């Protein structure tokens, strides 16, 4: 099993790579705007470099996010509580949902998303699964973090970032261009991974000591 410190480094690298990849692949696609166009459009079937984006952008990032998310939940408490175990499963699902978006790219017809396409539907469902699983997993970790002396300082970050994600998903789409609204939401989502990955690095490969391990 991967050590927490190594998973922390992977988390930081994965998120830095994802944003770098969006810039690189966006620059390679004529007319692509990070304000107007959504990230999924980089992998739409038939567009330039779509396969590479789906593998390197969604695929690599998703697999690493699953590893890191599972390690985060597994590192909280001397013995994981029921809530932490549930969070671990949910965070792995969230990461795999990102990867699945690359396995099932969206399809477009004449510049419009083909909602009737099975691949498009699977793509959207994968994205939804990522968001819901991540949100529930983060909230499930609030209790275990509060009982763990090493992680206690971050439990409020879970609440705040989860709340901001909900607000962003409900409000920004109607106020901003789709691409910009999505990237703001993704930034909140990824700030959580960066904070938790930095904490894993600080654990130096040791499971955090807990001052209370009762199951939630």
N, C-alpha and C. Protein backbone atom coordinates (compact mmCIF):
# COMPACT_ATOMS: atom_id res chain seq x y z
N UNK A 1 0.84 -1.20 0.00
CA UNK A 1 0.00 0.00 0.00
C UNK A 1 0.87 1.24 0.00
N UNK A 2 0.46 2.27 -0.73
CA UNK A 2 1.27 3.47 -0.86
C UNK A 2 1.35 4.21 0.47
N UNK A 3 2.51 4.75 0.77
CA UNK A 3 2.71 5.51 2.01
C UNK A 3 2.01 6.86 1.89
N UNK A 4 1.49 7.39 3.00
CA UNK A 4 0.80 8.68 2.96
C UNK A 4 1.64 9.80 2.36
N UNK A 5 2.92 9.86 2.73
CA UNK A 5 3.75 10.96 2.20
C UNK A 5 3.85 10.87 0.69
N UNK A 6 4.04 9.67 0.16
CA UNK A 6 4.14 9.51 -1.29
C UNK A 6 2.82 9.86 -1.98
N UNK A 7 1.71 9.46 -1.34
CA UNK A 7 0.40 9.81 -1.90
C UNK A 7 0.21 11.32 -1.90
N UNK A 8 0.70 11.99 -0.87
CA UNK A 8 0.61 13.45 -0.83
C UNK A 8 1.34 14.10 -1.98
N UNK A 9 2.54 13.62 -2.26
CA UNK A 9 3.27 14.16 -3.41
C UNK A 9 2.52 13.89 -4.71
N UNK A 10 1.96 12.68 -4.82
CA UNK A 10 1.21 12.35 -6.03
C UNK A 10 0.00 13.27 -6.20
N UNK A 11 -0.66 13.59 -5.09
CA UNK A 11 -1.82 14.46 -5.15
C UNK A 11 -1.47 15.84 -5.67
N UNK A 12 -0.39 16.40 -5.16
CA UNK A 12 0.04 17.73 -5.58
C UNK A 12 0.45 17.71 -7.05
N UNK A 13 1.21 16.69 -7.44
CA UNK A 13 1.65 16.59 -8.83
C UNK A 13 0.46 16.38 -9.77
N UNK A 14 -0.49 15.54 -9.37
CA UNK A 14 -1.64 15.24 -10.22
C UNK A 14 -2.46 16.49 -10.52
N UNK A 15 -2.69 17.30 -9.51
CA UNK A 15 -3.51 18.49 -9.71
C UNK A 15 -2.77 19.56 -10.50
N UNK A 16 -1.46 19.68 -10.25
CA UNK A 16 -0.67 20.62 -11.05
C UNK A 16 -0.67 20.18 -12.51
N UNK A 17 -0.54 18.86 -12.72
CA UNK A 17 -0.54 18.32 -14.07
C UNK A 17 -1.87 18.56 -14.77
N UNK A 18 -2.98 18.38 -14.06
CA UNK A 18 -4.29 18.55 -14.67
C UNK A 18 -4.46 19.97 -15.22
N UNK A 19 -4.11 20.96 -14.42
CA UNK A 19 -4.26 22.34 -14.88
C UNK A 19 -3.28 22.65 -15.99
N UNK A 20 -2.06 22.15 -15.90
CA UNK A 20 -1.08 22.35 -16.97
C UNK A 20 -1.57 21.71 -18.26
N UNK A 21 -2.14 20.51 -18.14
CA UNK A 21 -2.64 19.80 -19.32
C UNK A 21 -3.79 20.56 -19.98
N UNK A 22 -4.66 21.17 -19.18
CA UNK A 22 -5.75 21.93 -19.78
C UNK A 22 -5.21 23.11 -20.58
N UNK A 23 -4.16 23.73 -20.08
CA UNK A 23 -3.56 24.86 -20.79
C UNK A 23 -2.91 24.38 -22.09
N UNK A 24 -2.16 23.28 -22.00
CA UNK A 24 -1.45 22.76 -23.18
C UNK A 24 -2.43 22.30 -24.25
N UNK A 25 -3.39 21.46 -23.86
CA UNK A 25 -4.33 20.94 -24.84
C UNK A 25 -5.29 22.02 -25.34
N UNK A 26 -5.59 23.00 -24.49
CA UNK A 26 -6.41 24.11 -24.94
C UNK A 26 -5.69 24.93 -25.99
N UNK A 27 -4.38 25.13 -25.81
CA UNK A 27 -3.59 25.89 -26.78
C UNK A 27 -3.46 25.15 -28.11
N UNK A 28 -3.53 23.82 -28.06
CA UNK A 28 -3.40 23.02 -29.28
C UNK A 28 -4.70 22.95 -30.08
N UNK A 29 -5.80 23.41 -29.46
CA UNK A 29 -7.08 23.35 -30.15
C UNK A 29 -7.48 24.75 -30.63
N UNK A 30 -7.58 24.97 -31.93
CA UNK A 30 -7.92 26.30 -32.47
C UNK A 30 -9.27 26.80 -31.95
N UNK A 31 -9.28 28.03 -31.49
CA UNK A 31 -10.52 28.66 -31.06
C UNK A 31 -11.00 28.27 -29.68
N UNK A 32 -10.22 27.47 -28.96
CA UNK A 32 -10.65 27.04 -27.63
C UNK A 32 -10.47 28.17 -26.63
N UNK A 33 -11.49 28.43 -25.80
CA UNK A 33 -11.44 29.47 -24.78
C UNK A 33 -11.66 28.86 -23.41
N UNK A 34 -10.78 29.16 -22.47
CA UNK A 34 -10.93 28.63 -21.12
C UNK A 34 -12.07 29.30 -20.36
N UNK A 35 -12.56 30.42 -20.88
CA UNK A 35 -13.69 31.11 -20.27
C UNK A 35 -15.01 30.57 -20.79
N UNK A 36 -15.05 30.29 -22.09
CA UNK A 36 -16.30 29.87 -22.74
C UNK A 36 -16.46 28.35 -22.78
N UNK A 37 -15.39 27.65 -23.16
CA UNK A 37 -15.49 26.20 -23.38
C UNK A 37 -15.23 25.40 -22.11
N UNK A 38 -15.99 24.32 -21.94
CA UNK A 38 -15.80 23.45 -20.80
C UNK A 38 -14.62 22.51 -21.04
N UNK A 39 -14.08 21.99 -19.94
CA UNK A 39 -12.90 21.11 -20.04
C UNK A 39 -13.21 19.86 -20.84
N UNK A 40 -14.42 19.33 -20.70
CA UNK A 40 -14.80 18.11 -21.42
C UNK A 40 -14.68 18.25 -22.92
N UNK A 41 -14.78 19.47 -23.43
CA UNK A 41 -14.71 19.68 -24.87
C UNK A 41 -13.33 19.34 -25.44
N UNK A 42 -12.32 19.29 -24.58
CA UNK A 42 -10.99 18.89 -25.04
C UNK A 42 -10.96 17.42 -25.45
N UNK A 43 -11.91 16.64 -24.93
CA UNK A 43 -11.92 15.21 -25.22
C UNK A 43 -13.07 14.75 -26.07
N UNK A 44 -13.81 15.69 -26.66
CA UNK A 44 -14.96 15.31 -27.49
C UNK A 44 -14.50 14.45 -28.67
N UNK A 45 -15.25 13.40 -28.94
CA UNK A 45 -14.89 12.48 -30.04
C UNK A 45 -14.67 13.23 -31.35
N UNK A 46 -13.55 12.91 -31.99
CA UNK A 46 -13.28 13.47 -33.30
C UNK A 46 -12.55 14.79 -33.31
N UNK A 47 -12.35 15.40 -32.14
CA UNK A 47 -11.63 16.67 -32.10
C UNK A 47 -10.13 16.42 -31.98
N UNK A 48 -9.31 17.40 -32.36
CA UNK A 48 -7.85 17.21 -32.31
C UNK A 48 -7.34 16.83 -30.92
N UNK A 49 -6.51 15.82 -30.86
CA UNK A 49 -5.85 15.38 -29.63
C UNK A 49 -6.81 14.89 -28.54
N UNK A 50 -8.03 14.55 -28.93
CA UNK A 50 -9.03 14.13 -27.95
C UNK A 50 -8.59 12.88 -27.19
N UNK A 51 -8.05 11.90 -27.90
CA UNK A 51 -7.64 10.65 -27.25
C UNK A 51 -6.55 10.92 -26.23
N UNK A 52 -5.59 11.75 -26.60
CA UNK A 52 -4.50 12.06 -25.69
C UNK A 52 -5.01 12.77 -24.44
N UNK A 53 -5.95 13.70 -24.64
CA UNK A 53 -6.52 14.38 -23.47
C UNK A 53 -7.26 13.41 -22.57
N UNK A 54 -8.05 12.54 -23.16
CA UNK A 54 -8.84 11.61 -22.36
C UNK A 54 -7.97 10.67 -21.55
N UNK A 55 -6.82 10.32 -22.10
CA UNK A 55 -5.89 9.44 -21.38
C UNK A 55 -5.06 10.22 -20.36
N UNK A 56 -4.43 11.31 -20.82
CA UNK A 56 -3.50 12.05 -19.96
C UNK A 56 -4.19 13.05 -19.05
N UNK A 57 -5.30 13.60 -19.52
CA UNK A 57 -6.01 14.58 -18.71
C UNK A 57 -6.95 13.94 -17.72
N UNK A 58 -8.00 13.30 -18.22
CA UNK A 58 -8.96 12.64 -17.34
C UNK A 58 -8.42 11.36 -16.74
N UNK A 59 -7.79 10.52 -17.56
CA UNK A 59 -7.37 9.20 -17.10
C UNK A 59 -6.33 9.23 -15.99
N UNK A 60 -5.21 9.87 -16.26
CA UNK A 60 -4.11 9.92 -15.28
C UNK A 60 -4.55 10.65 -14.02
N UNK A 61 -5.19 11.79 -14.20
CA UNK A 61 -5.63 12.57 -13.04
C UNK A 61 -6.62 11.78 -12.18
N UNK A 62 -7.56 11.10 -12.84
CA UNK A 62 -8.57 10.36 -12.10
C UNK A 62 -8.00 9.21 -11.29
N UNK A 63 -7.11 8.44 -11.89
CA UNK A 63 -6.51 7.31 -11.17
C UNK A 63 -5.71 7.81 -9.97
N UNK A 64 -4.94 8.88 -10.16
CA UNK A 64 -4.16 9.41 -9.05
C UNK A 64 -5.06 9.99 -7.97
N UNK A 65 -6.16 10.65 -8.37
CA UNK A 65 -7.10 11.19 -7.38
C UNK A 65 -7.73 10.08 -6.56
N UNK A 66 -8.01 8.95 -7.20
CA UNK A 66 -8.58 7.81 -6.47
C UNK A 66 -7.59 7.28 -5.43
N UNK A 67 -6.33 7.18 -5.82
CA UNK A 67 -5.30 6.70 -4.90
C UNK A 67 -5.13 7.67 -3.72
N UNK A 68 -5.03 8.94 -4.06
CA UNK A 68 -4.81 9.96 -3.03
C UNK A 68 -6.03 10.07 -2.11
N UNK A 69 -7.23 10.10 -2.68
CA UNK A 69 -8.43 10.21 -1.86
C UNK A 69 -8.57 9.05 -0.89
N UNK A 70 -8.31 7.84 -1.37
CA UNK A 70 -8.38 6.68 -0.50
C UNK A 70 -7.34 6.73 0.61
N UNK A 71 -6.17 7.24 0.29
CA UNK A 71 -5.10 7.34 1.28
C UNK A 71 -5.42 8.39 2.34
N UNK A 72 -6.02 9.49 1.90
CA UNK A 72 -6.40 10.55 2.86
C UNK A 72 -7.34 9.98 3.91
N UNK A 73 -8.43 9.35 3.46
CA UNK A 73 -9.41 8.80 4.40
C UNK A 73 -8.80 7.70 5.26
N UNK A 74 -7.92 6.90 4.68
CA UNK A 74 -7.30 5.80 5.42
C UNK A 74 -6.25 6.25 6.42
N UNK A 75 -5.84 7.52 6.35
CA UNK A 75 -4.80 8.03 7.25
C UNK A 75 -5.35 8.76 8.45
N UNK A 76 -6.67 8.85 8.55
CA UNK A 76 -7.29 9.59 9.64
C UNK A 76 -7.69 8.64 10.76
N UNK A 77 -7.07 8.79 11.90
CA UNK A 77 -7.36 7.94 13.04
C UNK A 77 -6.47 6.72 13.10
N UNK A 78 -6.18 6.28 14.32
CA UNK A 78 -5.35 5.08 14.48
C UNK A 78 -6.05 3.87 13.88
N UNK A 79 -7.37 3.80 14.10
CA UNK A 79 -8.19 2.76 13.50
C UNK A 79 -9.36 3.47 12.81
N UNK A 80 -9.50 3.34 11.49
CA UNK A 80 -10.53 4.07 10.77
C UNK A 80 -11.94 3.80 11.31
N UNK A 81 -12.74 4.84 11.49
CA UNK A 81 -14.11 4.70 11.92
C UNK A 81 -14.98 4.27 10.75
N UNK A 82 -16.23 3.98 11.01
CA UNK A 82 -17.16 3.63 9.93
C UNK A 82 -17.26 4.77 8.93
N UNK A 83 -17.32 6.01 9.46
CA UNK A 83 -17.43 7.18 8.59
C UNK A 83 -16.21 7.30 7.69
N UNK A 84 -15.02 7.06 8.24
CA UNK A 84 -13.80 7.16 7.45
C UNK A 84 -13.75 6.08 6.38
N UNK A 85 -14.24 4.88 6.72
CA UNK A 85 -14.26 3.80 5.74
C UNK A 85 -15.21 4.12 4.59
N UNK A 86 -16.36 4.70 4.93
CA UNK A 86 -17.32 5.11 3.89
C UNK A 86 -16.70 6.21 3.02
N UNK A 87 -16.05 7.17 3.68
CA UNK A 87 -15.40 8.26 2.95
C UNK A 87 -14.33 7.73 2.00
N UNK A 88 -13.62 6.71 2.46
CA UNK A 88 -12.56 6.14 1.61
C UNK A 88 -13.13 5.57 0.32
N UNK A 89 -14.23 4.83 0.44
CA UNK A 89 -14.88 4.27 -0.75
C UNK A 89 -15.37 5.40 -1.67
N UNK A 90 -16.00 6.41 -1.07
CA UNK A 90 -16.56 7.50 -1.86
C UNK A 90 -15.47 8.29 -2.59
N UNK A 91 -14.34 8.53 -1.93
CA UNK A 91 -13.28 9.30 -2.56
C UNK A 91 -12.59 8.51 -3.67
N UNK A 92 -12.53 7.21 -3.52
CA UNK A 92 -12.01 6.38 -4.61
C UNK A 92 -12.96 6.45 -5.80
N UNK A 93 -14.26 6.39 -5.53
CA UNK A 93 -15.26 6.50 -6.59
C UNK A 93 -15.15 7.85 -7.29
N UNK A 94 -14.93 8.91 -6.51
CA UNK A 94 -14.80 10.24 -7.08
C UNK A 94 -13.64 10.31 -8.07
N UNK A 95 -12.51 9.73 -7.70
CA UNK A 95 -11.36 9.72 -8.60
C UNK A 95 -11.61 8.89 -9.85
N UNK A 96 -12.20 7.72 -9.66
CA UNK A 96 -12.48 6.85 -10.80
C UNK A 96 -13.51 7.49 -11.73
N UNK A 97 -14.39 8.34 -11.14
CA UNK A 97 -15.35 9.05 -11.98
C UNK A 97 -14.68 10.02 -12.93
N UNK A 98 -13.60 10.63 -12.48
CA UNK A 98 -12.83 11.52 -13.36
C UNK A 98 -12.24 10.71 -14.51
N UNK A 99 -11.64 9.58 -14.18
CA UNK A 99 -11.05 8.72 -15.21
C UNK A 99 -12.11 8.24 -16.19
N UNK A 100 -13.30 7.92 -15.67
CA UNK A 100 -14.38 7.42 -16.52
C UNK A 100 -14.83 8.45 -17.55
N UNK A 101 -14.65 9.72 -17.24
CA UNK A 101 -15.01 10.76 -18.21
C UNK A 101 -14.11 10.69 -19.45
N UNK A 102 -12.92 10.16 -19.26
CA UNK A 102 -12.04 9.95 -20.41
C UNK A 102 -12.37 8.68 -21.16
N UNK A 103 -12.86 7.67 -20.44
CA UNK A 103 -13.27 6.42 -21.08
C UNK A 103 -14.53 6.63 -21.91
N UNK A 104 -15.40 7.50 -21.43
CA UNK A 104 -16.66 7.80 -22.12
C UNK A 104 -16.70 9.28 -22.50
N UNK A 105 -16.01 9.64 -23.56
CA UNK A 105 -16.01 11.05 -23.97
C UNK A 105 -17.35 11.48 -24.53
N UNK A 106 -17.62 12.77 -24.43
CA UNK A 106 -18.87 13.30 -24.98
C UNK A 106 -18.80 13.33 -26.50
N UNK A 107 -19.97 13.33 -27.12
CA UNK A 107 -20.07 13.47 -28.57
C UNK A 107 -20.79 14.76 -28.90
N UNK A 108 -20.38 15.39 -30.00
CA UNK A 108 -21.02 16.62 -30.44
C UNK A 108 -21.41 16.49 -31.90
N UNK A 109 -22.52 17.11 -32.26
CA UNK A 109 -22.98 17.14 -33.65
C UNK A 109 -23.21 18.59 -34.03
N UNK A 110 -22.46 19.05 -35.03
CA UNK A 110 -22.55 20.45 -35.47
C UNK A 110 -22.33 21.43 -34.32
N UNK A 111 -21.37 21.11 -33.47
CA UNK A 111 -21.02 22.00 -32.37
C UNK A 111 -21.93 21.94 -31.17
N UNK A 112 -22.91 21.02 -31.19
CA UNK A 112 -23.84 20.90 -30.07
C UNK A 112 -23.70 19.51 -29.45
N UNK A 113 -23.69 19.45 -28.13
CA UNK A 113 -23.55 18.17 -27.44
C UNK A 113 -24.71 17.25 -27.79
N UNK A 114 -24.37 16.02 -28.16
CA UNK A 114 -25.38 15.03 -28.53
C UNK A 114 -25.85 14.30 -27.26
N UNK A 115 -26.94 14.79 -26.67
CA UNK A 115 -27.45 14.22 -25.42
C UNK A 115 -27.92 12.78 -25.61
N UNK A 116 -28.31 12.44 -26.84
CA UNK A 116 -28.82 11.10 -27.09
C UNK A 116 -27.74 10.05 -27.20
N UNK A 117 -26.47 10.46 -27.27
CA UNK A 117 -25.37 9.51 -27.39
C UNK A 117 -25.13 8.78 -26.07
N UNK A 118 -25.03 7.44 -26.09
CA UNK A 118 -24.73 6.69 -24.86
C UNK A 118 -23.42 7.13 -24.22
N UNK A 119 -22.42 7.43 -25.05
CA UNK A 119 -21.13 7.86 -24.49
C UNK A 119 -21.26 9.21 -23.80
N UNK A 120 -22.03 10.12 -24.40
CA UNK A 120 -22.25 11.42 -23.77
C UNK A 120 -22.96 11.27 -22.44
N UNK A 121 -23.98 10.43 -22.40
CA UNK A 121 -24.71 10.21 -21.15
C UNK A 121 -23.81 9.61 -20.08
N UNK A 122 -22.99 8.65 -20.48
CA UNK A 122 -22.06 8.04 -19.52
C UNK A 122 -21.05 9.06 -19.04
N UNK A 123 -20.64 9.95 -19.93
CA UNK A 123 -19.69 11.01 -19.57
C UNK A 123 -20.29 11.91 -18.50
N UNK A 124 -21.52 12.36 -18.72
CA UNK A 124 -22.17 13.24 -17.77
C UNK A 124 -22.43 12.53 -16.43
N UNK A 125 -22.83 11.27 -16.49
CA UNK A 125 -23.08 10.51 -15.27
C UNK A 125 -21.79 10.32 -14.47
N UNK A 126 -20.69 10.12 -15.19
CA UNK A 126 -19.38 9.97 -14.52
C UNK A 126 -19.01 11.26 -13.79
N UNK A 127 -19.25 12.40 -14.45
CA UNK A 127 -18.97 13.68 -13.82
C UNK A 127 -19.85 13.91 -12.60
N UNK A 128 -21.12 13.53 -12.71
CA UNK A 128 -22.05 13.67 -11.59
C UNK A 128 -21.62 12.78 -10.43
N UNK A 129 -21.21 11.55 -10.75
CA UNK A 129 -20.75 10.62 -9.72
C UNK A 129 -19.53 11.17 -8.99
N UNK A 130 -18.64 11.79 -9.73
CA UNK A 130 -17.46 12.39 -9.11
C UNK A 130 -17.85 13.46 -8.11
N UNK A 131 -18.72 14.38 -8.54
CA UNK A 131 -19.11 15.47 -7.67
C UNK A 131 -19.85 15.01 -6.42
N UNK A 132 -20.82 14.12 -6.60
CA UNK A 132 -21.62 13.66 -5.46
C UNK A 132 -20.77 12.82 -4.50
N UNK A 133 -19.97 11.91 -5.05
CA UNK A 133 -19.14 11.04 -4.20
C UNK A 133 -18.12 11.87 -3.43
N UNK A 134 -17.51 12.85 -4.09
CA UNK A 134 -16.53 13.70 -3.40
C UNK A 134 -17.19 14.49 -2.28
N UNK A 135 -18.34 15.11 -2.57
CA UNK A 135 -19.02 15.92 -1.58
C UNK A 135 -19.40 15.09 -0.35
N UNK A 136 -19.99 13.93 -0.57
CA UNK A 136 -20.39 13.07 0.54
C UNK A 136 -19.17 12.53 1.30
N UNK A 137 -18.11 12.21 0.56
CA UNK A 137 -16.90 11.72 1.20
C UNK A 137 -16.25 12.76 2.08
N UNK A 138 -16.19 13.99 1.59
CA UNK A 138 -15.60 15.08 2.36
C UNK A 138 -16.40 15.34 3.64
N UNK A 139 -17.72 15.36 3.52
CA UNK A 139 -18.56 15.59 4.69
C UNK A 139 -18.47 14.43 5.69
N UNK A 140 -18.31 13.22 5.18
CA UNK A 140 -18.18 12.05 6.06
C UNK A 140 -16.91 12.11 6.89
N UNK A 141 -15.91 12.84 6.42
CA UNK A 141 -14.64 12.93 7.14
C UNK A 141 -14.62 13.98 8.23
N UNK A 142 -15.67 14.80 8.30
CA UNK A 142 -15.69 15.87 9.30
C UNK A 142 -15.57 15.31 10.71
N UNK A 143 -16.40 14.31 11.05
CA UNK A 143 -16.36 13.71 12.38
C UNK A 143 -15.04 13.05 12.70
N UNK A 144 -14.54 12.15 11.83
CA UNK A 144 -13.25 11.52 12.11
C UNK A 144 -12.11 12.52 12.26
N UNK A 145 -12.14 13.60 11.50
CA UNK A 145 -11.08 14.61 11.62
C UNK A 145 -11.15 15.32 12.97
N UNK A 146 -12.35 15.60 13.43
CA UNK A 146 -12.50 16.28 14.71
C UNK A 146 -11.97 15.44 15.86
N UNK A 147 -12.03 14.13 15.73
CA UNK A 147 -11.56 13.23 16.79
C UNK A 147 -10.08 12.90 16.68
N UNK A 148 -9.46 13.34 15.61
CA UNK A 148 -8.05 13.03 15.38
C UNK A 148 -7.22 14.29 15.62
N UNK A 149 -6.34 14.23 16.61
CA UNK A 149 -5.57 15.42 16.98
C UNK A 149 -4.73 15.96 15.82
N UNK A 150 -4.25 15.08 14.98
CA UNK A 150 -3.38 15.50 13.88
C UNK A 150 -4.16 16.17 12.76
N UNK A 151 -5.38 15.71 12.50
CA UNK A 151 -6.19 16.23 11.40
C UNK A 151 -7.21 17.27 11.83
N UNK A 152 -7.36 17.49 13.12
CA UNK A 152 -8.45 18.34 13.62
C UNK A 152 -8.44 19.74 13.01
N UNK A 153 -7.27 20.26 12.74
CA UNK A 153 -7.18 21.61 12.20
C UNK A 153 -7.76 21.76 10.80
N UNK A 154 -8.09 20.65 10.15
CA UNK A 154 -8.59 20.72 8.78
C UNK A 154 -10.06 20.39 8.63
N UNK A 155 -10.72 20.03 9.73
CA UNK A 155 -12.12 19.60 9.55
C UNK A 155 -13.02 20.75 9.11
N UNK A 156 -12.70 21.98 9.55
CA UNK A 156 -13.48 23.13 9.12
C UNK A 156 -13.30 23.40 7.63
N UNK A 157 -12.11 23.08 7.11
CA UNK A 157 -11.86 23.25 5.68
C UNK A 157 -12.80 22.36 4.88
N UNK A 158 -13.08 21.15 5.40
CA UNK A 158 -14.03 20.26 4.74
C UNK A 158 -15.40 20.91 4.63
N UNK A 159 -15.86 21.47 5.72
CA UNK A 159 -17.19 22.08 5.75
C UNK A 159 -17.25 23.28 4.81
N UNK A 160 -16.25 24.15 4.90
CA UNK A 160 -16.24 25.37 4.08
C UNK A 160 -16.15 25.05 2.60
N UNK A 161 -15.23 24.16 2.22
CA UNK A 161 -15.04 23.86 0.80
C UNK A 161 -16.24 23.10 0.24
N UNK A 162 -16.83 22.22 1.04
CA UNK A 162 -18.04 21.53 0.58
C UNK A 162 -19.17 22.53 0.37
N UNK A 163 -19.31 23.48 1.30
CA UNK A 163 -20.35 24.50 1.17
C UNK A 163 -20.13 25.38 -0.04
N UNK A 164 -18.89 25.79 -0.27
CA UNK A 164 -18.58 26.63 -1.43
C UNK A 164 -18.86 25.88 -2.73
N UNK A 165 -18.58 24.59 -2.75
CA UNK A 165 -18.84 23.79 -3.94
C UNK A 165 -20.33 23.75 -4.25
N UNK A 166 -21.14 23.57 -3.21
CA UNK A 166 -22.59 23.54 -3.41
C UNK A 166 -23.09 24.88 -3.93
N UNK A 167 -22.63 25.97 -3.32
CA UNK A 167 -23.04 27.31 -3.75
C UNK A 167 -22.62 27.56 -5.20
N UNK A 168 -21.37 27.20 -5.52
CA UNK A 168 -20.88 27.43 -6.88
C UNK A 168 -21.68 26.64 -7.91
N UNK A 169 -22.00 25.40 -7.59
CA UNK A 169 -22.74 24.56 -8.55
C UNK A 169 -24.16 25.06 -8.77
N UNK A 170 -24.74 25.73 -7.77
CA UNK A 170 -26.13 26.19 -7.87
C UNK A 170 -26.26 27.59 -8.45
N UNK A 171 -25.18 28.36 -8.40
CA UNK A 171 -25.31 29.77 -8.78
C UNK A 171 -24.47 30.22 -9.97
N UNK A 172 -23.27 29.70 -10.12
CA UNK A 172 -22.35 30.26 -11.10
C UNK A 172 -22.75 30.00 -12.55
N UNK A 173 -23.40 28.87 -12.81
CA UNK A 173 -23.76 28.52 -14.19
C UNK A 173 -24.62 29.59 -14.84
N UNK A 174 -25.49 30.20 -14.09
CA UNK A 174 -26.37 31.19 -14.67
C UNK A 174 -25.78 32.58 -14.72
N UNK A 175 -24.68 32.78 -14.01
CA UNK A 175 -24.08 34.11 -13.93
C UNK A 175 -22.87 34.28 -14.83
N UNK A 176 -22.12 33.20 -15.05
CA UNK A 176 -20.86 33.27 -15.79
C UNK A 176 -20.89 32.34 -16.99
N UNK A 177 -19.94 32.54 -17.91
CA UNK A 177 -19.79 31.61 -19.03
C UNK A 177 -19.50 30.22 -18.49
N UNK A 178 -19.93 29.21 -19.23
CA UNK A 178 -19.84 27.82 -18.77
C UNK A 178 -18.42 27.41 -18.40
N UNK A 179 -17.46 27.77 -19.23
CA UNK A 179 -16.08 27.37 -18.97
C UNK A 179 -15.53 27.98 -17.69
N UNK A 180 -15.81 29.26 -17.47
CA UNK A 180 -15.31 29.94 -16.28
C UNK A 180 -16.00 29.41 -15.03
N UNK A 181 -17.32 29.21 -15.10
CA UNK A 181 -18.06 28.68 -13.96
C UNK A 181 -17.54 27.31 -13.57
N UNK A 182 -17.28 26.46 -14.57
CA UNK A 182 -16.77 25.12 -14.29
C UNK A 182 -15.40 25.18 -13.63
N UNK A 183 -14.55 26.05 -14.12
CA UNK A 183 -13.19 26.12 -13.58
C UNK A 183 -13.16 26.67 -12.16
N UNK A 184 -14.06 27.56 -11.84
CA UNK A 184 -14.14 28.04 -10.45
C UNK A 184 -14.57 26.90 -9.54
N UNK A 185 -15.58 26.13 -9.96
CA UNK A 185 -16.01 24.98 -9.18
C UNK A 185 -14.90 23.95 -9.03
N UNK A 186 -14.18 23.69 -10.11
CA UNK A 186 -13.08 22.72 -10.07
C UNK A 186 -11.96 23.19 -9.15
N UNK A 187 -11.73 24.51 -9.12
CA UNK A 187 -10.67 25.05 -8.26
C UNK A 187 -10.99 24.78 -6.79
N UNK A 188 -12.26 24.98 -6.39
CA UNK A 188 -12.65 24.70 -5.01
C UNK A 188 -12.44 23.22 -4.70
N UNK A 189 -12.88 22.37 -5.61
CA UNK A 189 -12.74 20.93 -5.50
C UNK A 189 -11.27 20.54 -5.32
N UNK A 190 -10.38 21.18 -6.10
CA UNK A 190 -8.98 20.79 -6.09
C UNK A 190 -8.20 21.42 -4.95
N UNK A 191 -8.68 22.55 -4.43
CA UNK A 191 -8.04 23.12 -3.25
C UNK A 191 -8.08 22.11 -2.10
N UNK A 192 -9.20 21.38 -2.00
CA UNK A 192 -9.31 20.37 -0.95
C UNK A 192 -8.23 19.31 -1.11
N UNK A 193 -8.03 18.83 -2.33
CA UNK A 193 -7.00 17.81 -2.57
C UNK A 193 -5.61 18.33 -2.25
N UNK A 194 -5.35 19.59 -2.59
CA UNK A 194 -4.03 20.16 -2.31
C UNK A 194 -3.79 20.25 -0.80
N UNK A 195 -4.78 20.76 -0.07
CA UNK A 195 -4.63 20.88 1.39
C UNK A 195 -4.40 19.53 2.03
N UNK A 196 -5.20 18.55 1.64
CA UNK A 196 -5.08 17.22 2.24
C UNK A 196 -3.79 16.52 1.81
N UNK A 197 -3.37 16.76 0.57
CA UNK A 197 -2.11 16.17 0.10
C UNK A 197 -0.93 16.76 0.86
N UNK A 198 -0.97 18.06 1.12
CA UNK A 198 0.10 18.68 1.90
C UNK A 198 0.15 18.10 3.32
N UNK A 199 -1.03 17.81 3.87
CA UNK A 199 -1.08 17.19 5.19
C UNK A 199 -0.46 15.80 5.16
N UNK A 200 -0.77 15.04 4.11
CA UNK A 200 -0.18 13.70 3.99
C UNK A 200 1.34 13.77 3.93
N UNK A 201 1.86 14.74 3.21
CA UNK A 201 3.32 14.90 3.13
C UNK A 201 3.88 15.14 4.52
N UNK A 202 3.18 15.93 5.32
CA UNK A 202 3.64 16.24 6.67
C UNK A 202 3.58 15.07 7.63
N UNK A 203 2.78 14.05 7.29
CA UNK A 203 2.69 12.88 8.17
C UNK A 203 3.95 12.05 8.14
N UNK A 204 4.77 12.23 7.11
CA UNK A 204 6.05 11.53 6.99
C UNK A 204 5.86 10.02 7.02
N UNK A 205 4.79 9.54 6.36
CA UNK A 205 4.59 8.10 6.23
C UNK A 205 3.97 7.43 7.44
N UNK A 206 3.57 8.23 8.46
CA UNK A 206 3.00 7.63 9.67
C UNK A 206 1.51 7.90 9.71
N UNK A 207 0.71 6.94 10.21
CA UNK A 207 -0.70 7.17 10.43
C UNK A 207 -0.85 8.16 11.57
N UNK A 208 -1.75 9.12 11.40
CA UNK A 208 -1.92 10.15 12.41
C UNK A 208 -2.39 9.56 13.73
N UNK A 209 -1.83 10.00 14.87
CA UNK A 209 -2.32 9.54 16.15
C UNK A 209 -3.70 10.11 16.42
N UNK A 210 -4.54 9.37 17.10
CA UNK A 210 -5.90 9.84 17.38
C UNK A 210 -6.12 9.91 18.87
N UNK A 211 -6.98 10.86 19.30
CA UNK A 211 -7.32 10.91 20.71
C UNK A 211 -8.75 10.45 20.92
N UNK A 212 -9.29 9.78 19.92
CA UNK A 212 -10.64 9.23 20.02
C UNK A 212 -10.92 8.45 18.76
N UNK A 213 -11.22 7.17 18.85
CA UNK A 213 -11.40 6.37 17.64
C UNK A 213 -12.73 5.69 17.58
N UNK A 214 -13.68 6.17 18.31
CA UNK A 214 -15.01 5.54 18.28
C UNK A 214 -15.63 5.70 16.92
N UNK A 215 -16.31 4.67 16.47
CA UNK A 215 -16.94 4.73 15.16
C UNK A 215 -18.01 5.79 15.15
N UNK A 216 -18.15 6.46 13.96
CA UNK A 216 -19.18 7.49 13.83
C UNK A 216 -20.54 6.83 13.74
